[in-house]
Amino acid sequence: MMNKAQLIGRLGADPETRTLNDGGKVTNLRVATSESWKDRDSGQRREKTEWHRVTVWGEGPAKYLAYAEKGSLVLIEGKIETRKYTDSAGVEKYATEIVVQSRGGQIKILADGVDRDHDSRGSDDDHAAGGANGGSGPRESYDLNDDIPF
């Protein structure tokens, strides 16, 4: 069985990164995906937009996502998770989101004709943003199949 989601969309707000009690980082994104079509009956152009919650775990991805901003085109690969929580009024609620973790996840900022990759595997130091490319963000490409032993 497989639980995998892949989205290409635009950020509806700047990424929000929080530091957890144990020092770890979590970044929350709101991603909009849209589709458009021509209505058969009226001939008018129609558009439908879906909003997705995305949670990205790790310090490396948090540093990488500092280069993204509202309106950035992003590719997200992760798994779909639904969690239950109780709001401040004591009502149980459910939230469905795309979760990007250290295995099987990927974040890619698609900007200015240049792809900037971030595979969420490995240590946070392996994926730190910046570097010798003039501060314009990471331009490395990470192959998801690197760790396959066959």
N, C-alpha and C. Protein backbone atom coordinates (compact mmCIF):
# COMPACT_ATOMS: atom_id res chain seq x y z
N MET A 1 0.83 -1.18 0.00
CA MET A 1 0.00 0.00 0.00
C MET A 1 0.87 1.24 0.00
N MET A 2 0.29 2.33 -0.50
CA MET A 2 1.06 3.55 -0.59
C MET A 2 0.18 4.75 -0.22
N ASN A 3 0.73 5.64 0.56
CA ASN A 3 0.08 6.89 0.91
C ASN A 3 1.03 7.99 0.47
N LYS A 4 0.77 8.57 -0.70
CA LYS A 4 1.64 9.59 -1.24
C LYS A 4 0.80 10.65 -1.94
N ALA A 5 1.11 11.90 -1.66
CA ALA A 5 0.44 13.01 -2.31
C ALA A 5 1.49 13.88 -2.97
N GLN A 6 1.17 14.38 -4.16
CA GLN A 6 2.07 15.27 -4.88
C GLN A 6 1.25 16.47 -5.35
N LEU A 7 1.70 17.65 -4.98
CA LEU A 7 1.01 18.89 -5.33
C LEU A 7 1.97 19.83 -6.02
N ILE A 8 1.46 20.57 -6.98
CA ILE A 8 2.16 21.73 -7.53
C ILE A 8 1.17 22.87 -7.41
N GLY A 9 1.56 23.88 -6.66
CA GLY A 9 0.66 25.01 -6.44
C GLY A 9 1.41 26.21 -5.93
N ARG A 10 0.64 27.22 -5.58
CA ARG A 10 1.22 28.47 -5.10
C ARG A 10 0.96 28.64 -3.61
N LEU A 11 1.94 29.22 -2.91
CA LEU A 11 1.78 29.49 -1.49
C LEU A 11 0.78 30.64 -1.29
N GLY A 12 -0.18 30.42 -0.40
CA GLY A 12 -1.17 31.44 -0.10
C GLY A 12 -0.71 32.42 0.95
N ALA A 13 0.40 32.11 1.60
CA ALA A 13 0.99 32.99 2.63
C ALA A 13 2.46 32.60 2.77
N ASP A 14 3.23 33.45 3.40
CA ASP A 14 4.62 33.10 3.68
C ASP A 14 4.65 31.87 4.58
N PRO A 15 5.68 31.02 4.43
CA PRO A 15 5.81 29.86 5.32
C PRO A 15 5.93 30.31 6.78
N GLU A 16 5.32 29.55 7.68
CA GLU A 16 5.38 29.85 9.11
C GLU A 16 6.16 28.75 9.81
N THR A 17 7.32 29.09 10.35
CA THR A 17 8.18 28.11 11.01
C THR A 17 8.16 28.35 12.52
N ARG A 18 8.02 27.25 13.27
CA ARG A 18 8.03 27.30 14.73
C ARG A 18 9.14 26.40 15.24
N THR A 19 9.70 26.76 16.38
CA THR A 19 10.68 25.93 17.06
C THR A 19 9.96 25.19 18.18
N LEU A 20 10.13 23.87 18.22
CA LEU A 20 9.49 23.04 19.23
C LEU A 20 10.31 23.04 20.52
N ASN A 21 9.73 22.52 21.59
CA ASN A 21 10.41 22.46 22.89
C ASN A 21 11.73 21.71 22.82
N ASP A 22 11.81 20.68 21.97
CA ASP A 22 13.04 19.89 21.85
C ASP A 22 14.05 20.51 20.87
N GLY A 23 13.75 21.69 20.34
CA GLY A 23 14.65 22.38 19.42
C GLY A 23 14.37 22.08 17.96
N GLY A 24 13.51 21.12 17.67
CA GLY A 24 13.16 20.79 16.29
C GLY A 24 12.35 21.91 15.65
N LYS A 25 12.24 21.85 14.35
CA LYS A 25 11.51 22.87 13.60
C LYS A 25 10.34 22.22 12.84
N VAL A 26 9.25 22.96 12.74
CA VAL A 26 8.11 22.55 11.93
C VAL A 26 7.65 23.78 11.16
N THR A 27 7.40 23.59 9.86
CA THR A 27 6.98 24.69 9.00
C THR A 27 5.61 24.36 8.43
N ASN A 28 4.71 25.32 8.54
CA ASN A 28 3.36 25.15 8.01
C ASN A 28 3.19 26.00 6.75
N LEU A 29 2.57 25.39 5.75
CA LEU A 29 2.33 26.05 4.48
C LEU A 29 0.85 25.94 4.13
N ARG A 30 0.37 26.91 3.39
CA ARG A 30 -0.95 26.84 2.77
C ARG A 30 -0.72 26.91 1.27
N VAL A 31 -1.11 25.84 0.57
CA VAL A 31 -0.85 25.73 -0.86
C VAL A 31 -2.17 25.69 -1.62
N ALA A 32 -2.27 26.50 -2.65
CA ALA A 32 -3.45 26.52 -3.51
C ALA A 32 -3.14 25.82 -4.82
N THR A 33 -4.00 24.89 -5.21
CA THR A 33 -3.91 24.27 -6.52
C THR A 33 -5.17 24.65 -7.28
N SER A 34 -5.03 24.90 -8.57
CA SER A 34 -6.17 25.34 -9.37
C SER A 34 -6.27 24.53 -10.65
N GLU A 35 -7.49 24.42 -11.12
CA GLU A 35 -7.72 23.84 -12.43
C GLU A 35 -8.73 24.73 -13.13
N SER A 36 -8.62 24.82 -14.45
CA SER A 36 -9.57 25.64 -15.19
C SER A 36 -10.05 24.87 -16.41
N TRP A 37 -11.25 25.22 -16.86
CA TRP A 37 -11.85 24.57 -18.01
C TRP A 37 -12.87 25.52 -18.62
N LYS A 38 -13.28 25.18 -19.83
CA LYS A 38 -14.31 25.94 -20.52
C LYS A 38 -15.64 25.22 -20.33
N ASP A 39 -16.61 25.90 -19.76
CA ASP A 39 -17.93 25.34 -19.50
C ASP A 39 -18.62 25.01 -20.83
N ARG A 40 -19.10 23.79 -20.97
CA ARG A 40 -19.74 23.36 -22.22
C ARG A 40 -21.01 24.14 -22.52
N ASP A 41 -21.80 24.40 -21.49
CA ASP A 41 -23.08 25.06 -21.70
C ASP A 41 -22.95 26.55 -21.98
N SER A 42 -22.19 27.24 -21.16
CA SER A 42 -22.10 28.70 -21.29
C SER A 42 -20.93 29.16 -22.14
N GLY A 43 -19.92 28.31 -22.31
CA GLY A 43 -18.72 28.70 -23.05
C GLY A 43 -17.77 29.56 -22.24
N GLN A 44 -18.13 29.84 -20.98
CA GLN A 44 -17.28 30.67 -20.13
C GLN A 44 -16.17 29.85 -19.50
N ARG A 45 -15.10 30.54 -19.20
CA ARG A 45 -13.96 29.92 -18.53
C ARG A 45 -14.31 29.75 -17.06
N ARG A 46 -14.11 28.56 -16.52
CA ARG A 46 -14.36 28.27 -15.11
C ARG A 46 -13.04 27.90 -14.45
N GLU A 47 -12.97 28.17 -13.15
CA GLU A 47 -11.77 27.82 -12.39
C GLU A 47 -12.20 27.31 -11.01
N LYS A 48 -11.48 26.32 -10.52
CA LYS A 48 -11.71 25.78 -9.19
C LYS A 48 -10.37 25.73 -8.46
N THR A 49 -10.35 26.28 -7.27
CA THR A 49 -9.13 26.30 -6.45
C THR A 49 -9.36 25.47 -5.20
N GLU A 50 -8.40 24.61 -4.89
CA GLU A 50 -8.41 23.82 -3.65
C GLU A 50 -7.26 24.31 -2.78
N TRP A 51 -7.52 24.40 -1.47
CA TRP A 51 -6.49 24.80 -0.52
C TRP A 51 -6.04 23.59 0.28
N HIS A 52 -4.73 23.48 0.47
CA HIS A 52 -4.13 22.33 1.16
C HIS A 52 -3.26 22.83 2.31
N ARG A 53 -3.40 22.18 3.46
CA ARG A 53 -2.49 22.41 4.59
C ARG A 53 -1.30 21.50 4.39
N VAL A 54 -0.11 22.04 4.58
CA VAL A 54 1.11 21.25 4.45
C VAL A 54 1.95 21.49 5.70
N THR A 55 2.42 20.40 6.32
CA THR A 55 3.29 20.47 7.48
C THR A 55 4.62 19.83 7.11
N VAL A 56 5.70 20.58 7.29
CA VAL A 56 7.04 20.12 6.92
C VAL A 56 7.90 20.07 8.18
N TRP A 57 8.48 18.91 8.45
CA TRP A 57 9.28 18.70 9.65
C TRP A 57 10.76 18.81 9.34
N GLY A 58 11.54 19.46 10.21
CA GLY A 58 12.99 19.48 10.13
C GLY A 58 13.58 20.86 9.99
N GLU A 59 14.79 20.99 10.49
CA GLU A 59 15.49 22.28 10.44
C GLU A 59 15.98 22.60 9.03
N GLY A 60 16.47 21.59 8.33
CA GLY A 60 16.94 21.81 6.95
C GLY A 60 15.83 22.34 6.05
N PRO A 61 14.67 21.67 6.04
CA PRO A 61 13.57 22.20 5.22
C PRO A 61 13.14 23.60 5.67
N ALA A 62 13.18 23.89 6.97
CA ALA A 62 12.80 25.21 7.46
C ALA A 62 13.73 26.28 6.88
N LYS A 63 15.02 25.99 6.87
CA LYS A 63 15.99 26.94 6.30
C LYS A 63 15.75 27.11 4.80
N TYR A 64 15.48 26.01 4.12
CA TYR A 64 15.23 26.05 2.68
C TYR A 64 13.97 26.87 2.38
N LEU A 65 12.91 26.65 3.15
CA LEU A 65 11.65 27.34 2.90
C LEU A 65 11.70 28.82 3.24
N ALA A 66 12.77 29.28 3.90
CA ALA A 66 12.94 30.70 4.15
C ALA A 66 13.07 31.46 2.83
N TYR A 67 13.40 30.77 1.74
CA TYR A 67 13.52 31.38 0.42
C TYR A 67 12.17 31.49 -0.30
N ALA A 68 11.14 30.88 0.25
CA ALA A 68 9.82 30.92 -0.36
C ALA A 68 9.00 32.05 0.25
N GLU A 69 8.04 32.53 -0.49
CA GLU A 69 7.15 33.57 0.01
C GLU A 69 5.79 33.42 -0.64
N LYS A 70 4.84 34.16 -0.14
CA LYS A 70 3.49 34.12 -0.68
C LYS A 70 3.55 34.26 -2.20
N GLY A 71 2.86 33.38 -2.91
CA GLY A 71 2.84 33.40 -4.36
C GLY A 71 3.87 32.49 -5.02
N SER A 72 4.86 31.99 -4.24
CA SER A 72 5.87 31.10 -4.81
C SER A 72 5.22 29.82 -5.33
N LEU A 73 5.69 29.37 -6.47
CA LEU A 73 5.24 28.10 -7.02
C LEU A 73 6.08 26.99 -6.39
N VAL A 74 5.41 25.98 -5.80
CA VAL A 74 6.12 24.92 -5.10
C VAL A 74 5.61 23.55 -5.53
N LEU A 75 6.48 22.58 -5.44
CA LEU A 75 6.12 21.17 -5.60
C LEU A 75 6.29 20.54 -4.23
N ILE A 76 5.27 19.82 -3.79
CA ILE A 76 5.28 19.18 -2.48
C ILE A 76 4.99 17.70 -2.68
N GLU A 77 5.81 16.83 -2.09
CA GLU A 77 5.54 15.40 -2.04
C GLU A 77 5.56 14.97 -0.59
N GLY A 78 4.50 14.32 -0.17
CA GLY A 78 4.41 13.86 1.21
C GLY A 78 3.30 12.85 1.34
N LYS A 79 2.85 12.65 2.56
CA LYS A 79 1.76 11.70 2.78
C LYS A 79 0.57 12.44 3.38
N ILE A 80 -0.61 11.90 3.13
CA ILE A 80 -1.83 12.49 3.65
C ILE A 80 -2.08 11.96 5.05
N GLU A 81 -2.30 12.87 5.98
CA GLU A 81 -2.61 12.47 7.35
C GLU A 81 -3.79 13.27 7.85
N THR A 82 -4.65 12.62 8.61
CA THR A 82 -5.76 13.29 9.27
C THR A 82 -5.54 13.17 10.77
N ARG A 83 -5.58 14.29 11.45
CA ARG A 83 -5.40 14.27 12.90
C ARG A 83 -6.63 14.85 13.59
N LYS A 84 -6.87 14.36 14.78
CA LYS A 84 -8.01 14.81 15.58
C LYS A 84 -7.48 15.71 16.69
N TYR A 85 -8.20 16.80 16.93
CA TYR A 85 -7.82 17.69 18.02
C TYR A 85 -9.07 18.29 18.64
N THR A 86 -8.92 18.88 19.79
CA THR A 86 -10.02 19.53 20.48
C THR A 86 -9.75 21.03 20.49
N ASP A 87 -10.71 21.81 19.98
CA ASP A 87 -10.51 23.26 19.93
C ASP A 87 -10.73 23.89 21.31
N SER A 88 -10.58 25.19 21.38
CA SER A 88 -10.66 25.89 22.67
C SER A 88 -12.05 25.83 23.30
N ALA A 89 -13.08 25.54 22.48
CA ALA A 89 -14.44 25.41 23.01
C ALA A 89 -14.76 23.98 23.42
N GLY A 90 -13.78 23.08 23.31
CA GLY A 90 -13.97 21.69 23.70
C GLY A 90 -14.59 20.82 22.62
N VAL A 91 -14.68 21.33 21.39
CA VAL A 91 -15.27 20.58 20.28
C VAL A 91 -14.16 19.80 19.56
N GLU A 92 -14.41 18.49 19.34
CA GLU A 92 -13.45 17.68 18.60
C GLU A 92 -13.54 18.01 17.12
N LYS A 93 -12.37 18.21 16.51
CA LYS A 93 -12.30 18.55 15.08
C LYS A 93 -11.24 17.68 14.42
N TYR A 94 -11.29 17.65 13.09
CA TYR A 94 -10.33 16.89 12.30
C TYR A 94 -9.66 17.82 11.30
N ALA A 95 -8.38 17.59 11.07
CA ALA A 95 -7.63 18.35 10.08
C ALA A 95 -6.89 17.36 9.19
N THR A 96 -7.05 17.52 7.90
CA THR A 96 -6.34 16.69 6.92
C THR A 96 -5.26 17.55 6.29
N GLU A 97 -4.04 17.00 6.24
CA GLU A 97 -2.91 17.76 5.71
C GLU A 97 -1.93 16.86 5.00
N ILE A 98 -1.07 17.47 4.21
CA ILE A 98 0.04 16.78 3.58
C ILE A 98 1.23 16.95 4.52
N VAL A 99 1.84 15.83 4.93
CA VAL A 99 2.96 15.87 5.86
C VAL A 99 4.23 15.45 5.12
N VAL A 100 5.24 16.30 5.21
CA VAL A 100 6.54 16.04 4.59
C VAL A 100 7.52 15.77 5.72
N GLN A 101 8.04 14.53 5.77
CA GLN A 101 8.99 14.14 6.80
C GLN A 101 10.28 13.67 6.16
N SER A 102 11.15 13.08 6.99
CA SER A 102 12.49 12.73 6.55
C SER A 102 12.54 11.63 5.50
N ARG A 103 11.55 10.78 5.42
CA ARG A 103 11.56 9.70 4.43
C ARG A 103 10.43 9.88 3.44
N GLY A 104 10.76 9.85 2.16
CA GLY A 104 9.75 9.87 1.13
C GLY A 104 9.14 11.22 0.83
N GLY A 105 9.68 12.28 1.41
CA GLY A 105 9.12 13.60 1.17
C GLY A 105 10.05 14.47 0.35
N GLN A 106 9.47 15.47 -0.29
CA GLN A 106 10.27 16.39 -1.08
C GLN A 106 9.58 17.74 -1.13
N ILE A 107 10.39 18.78 -1.13
CA ILE A 107 9.92 20.14 -1.31
C ILE A 107 10.75 20.72 -2.44
N LYS A 108 10.10 21.41 -3.34
CA LYS A 108 10.84 22.03 -4.44
C LYS A 108 10.22 23.39 -4.70
N ILE A 109 11.03 24.43 -4.62
CA ILE A 109 10.57 25.77 -4.97
C ILE A 109 10.84 25.94 -6.46
N LEU A 110 9.81 26.22 -7.20
CA LEU A 110 9.92 26.42 -8.64
C LEU A 110 9.83 27.91 -8.91
N ALA A 111 10.98 28.56 -9.15
CA ALA A 111 10.96 30.02 -9.24
C ALA A 111 11.91 30.52 -10.31
N ASP A 112 11.51 31.57 -10.99
CA ASP A 112 12.36 32.29 -11.95
C ASP A 112 13.00 31.37 -12.97
N GLY A 113 12.32 30.29 -13.35
CA GLY A 113 12.87 29.37 -14.33
C GLY A 113 13.96 28.48 -13.78
N VAL A 114 14.26 28.60 -12.47
CA VAL A 114 15.30 27.79 -11.84
C VAL A 114 14.64 26.92 -10.78
N ASP A 115 14.88 25.62 -10.84
CA ASP A 115 14.35 24.72 -9.84
C ASP A 115 15.32 24.66 -8.68
N ARG A 116 14.80 24.83 -7.46
CA ARG A 116 15.60 24.71 -6.25
C ARG A 116 15.02 23.56 -5.45
N ASP A 117 15.76 22.47 -5.32
CA ASP A 117 15.25 21.25 -4.71
C ASP A 117 15.56 21.17 -3.23
N HIS A 118 14.70 20.43 -2.54
CA HIS A 118 15.02 20.02 -1.17
C HIS A 118 14.33 18.70 -0.92
N ASP A 119 15.13 17.67 -0.79
CA ASP A 119 14.64 16.35 -0.42
C ASP A 119 14.76 16.30 1.09
N SER A 120 13.71 15.90 1.78
CA SER A 120 13.72 16.00 3.24
C SER A 120 14.50 14.90 3.93
N ARG A 121 15.15 14.01 3.18
CA ARG A 121 15.95 12.96 3.81
C ARG A 121 17.25 13.52 4.35
N GLY A 122 17.92 12.74 5.18
CA GLY A 122 19.27 13.05 5.62
C GLY A 122 19.28 14.04 6.78
N SER A 123 20.50 14.42 7.15
CA SER A 123 20.64 15.32 8.29
C SER A 123 20.28 16.73 7.87
N ASP A 124 19.94 17.54 8.85
CA ASP A 124 19.59 18.91 8.57
C ASP A 124 20.75 19.68 7.96
N ASP A 125 21.98 19.33 8.33
CA ASP A 125 23.15 20.01 7.79
C ASP A 125 23.32 19.74 6.31
N ASP A 126 22.87 18.59 5.84
CA ASP A 126 23.00 18.26 4.43
C ASP A 126 22.16 19.17 3.56
N HIS A 127 21.14 19.79 4.13
CA HIS A 127 20.19 20.54 3.33
C HIS A 127 20.10 22.00 3.73
N ALA A 128 21.16 22.52 4.34
CA ALA A 128 21.11 23.91 4.76
C ALA A 128 21.05 24.82 3.55
N ALA A 129 20.29 25.89 3.66
CA ALA A 129 20.12 26.81 2.55
C ALA A 129 21.31 27.75 2.43
N GLY A 130 21.40 28.41 1.30
CA GLY A 130 22.47 29.39 1.08
C GLY A 130 23.66 28.72 0.44
N GLY A 131 24.84 29.23 0.75
CA GLY A 131 26.03 28.61 0.22
C GLY A 131 26.72 29.50 -0.79
N ALA A 132 27.50 28.87 -1.64
CA ALA A 132 28.36 29.60 -2.56
C ALA A 132 27.63 30.12 -3.79
N ASN A 133 26.37 29.95 -3.91
CA ASN A 133 25.68 30.38 -5.12
C ASN A 133 25.15 31.81 -5.00
N GLY A 134 25.78 32.62 -4.21
CA GLY A 134 25.43 34.02 -4.14
C GLY A 134 24.25 34.34 -3.24
N GLY A 135 23.85 33.42 -2.39
CA GLY A 135 22.80 33.71 -1.46
C GLY A 135 21.40 33.65 -2.07
N SER A 136 21.28 33.18 -3.29
CA SER A 136 19.96 33.16 -3.93
C SER A 136 19.20 31.88 -3.62
N GLY A 137 19.73 31.07 -2.71
CA GLY A 137 19.03 29.85 -2.32
C GLY A 137 19.70 28.64 -2.90
N PRO A 138 19.40 27.49 -2.35
CA PRO A 138 20.04 26.26 -2.81
C PRO A 138 19.58 25.90 -4.20
N ARG A 139 20.50 25.36 -4.99
CA ARG A 139 20.17 24.95 -6.34
C ARG A 139 20.55 23.49 -6.57
N GLU A 140 20.80 22.77 -5.47
CA GLU A 140 21.15 21.37 -5.57
C GLU A 140 19.94 20.57 -6.01
N SER A 141 20.22 19.39 -6.52
CA SER A 141 19.15 18.46 -6.84
C SER A 141 19.42 17.18 -6.09
N TYR A 142 18.42 16.66 -5.41
CA TYR A 142 18.57 15.46 -4.61
C TYR A 142 17.78 14.33 -5.25
N ASP A 143 18.44 13.23 -5.53
CA ASP A 143 17.79 12.07 -6.13
C ASP A 143 17.23 11.22 -5.02
N LEU A 144 15.91 10.97 -5.07
CA LEU A 144 15.25 10.17 -4.04
C LEU A 144 15.73 8.72 -4.02
N ASN A 145 16.36 8.27 -5.09
CA ASN A 145 16.78 6.87 -5.17
C ASN A 145 18.20 6.64 -4.70
N ASP A 146 18.87 7.66 -4.18
CA ASP A 146 20.27 7.53 -3.76
C ASP A 146 20.48 6.45 -2.69
N ASP A 147 19.54 6.27 -1.79
CA ASP A 147 19.72 5.35 -0.67
C ASP A 147 19.24 3.93 -0.96
N ILE A 148 18.76 3.67 -2.17
CA ILE A 148 18.29 2.32 -2.47
C ILE A 148 19.51 1.43 -2.71
N PRO A 149 19.63 0.31 -1.96
CA PRO A 149 20.85 -0.49 -2.01
C PRO A 149 20.89 -1.49 -3.16
N PHE A 150 20.02 -1.42 -4.11
CA PHE A 150 20.05 -2.40 -5.21
C PHE A 150 19.98 -1.72 -6.55
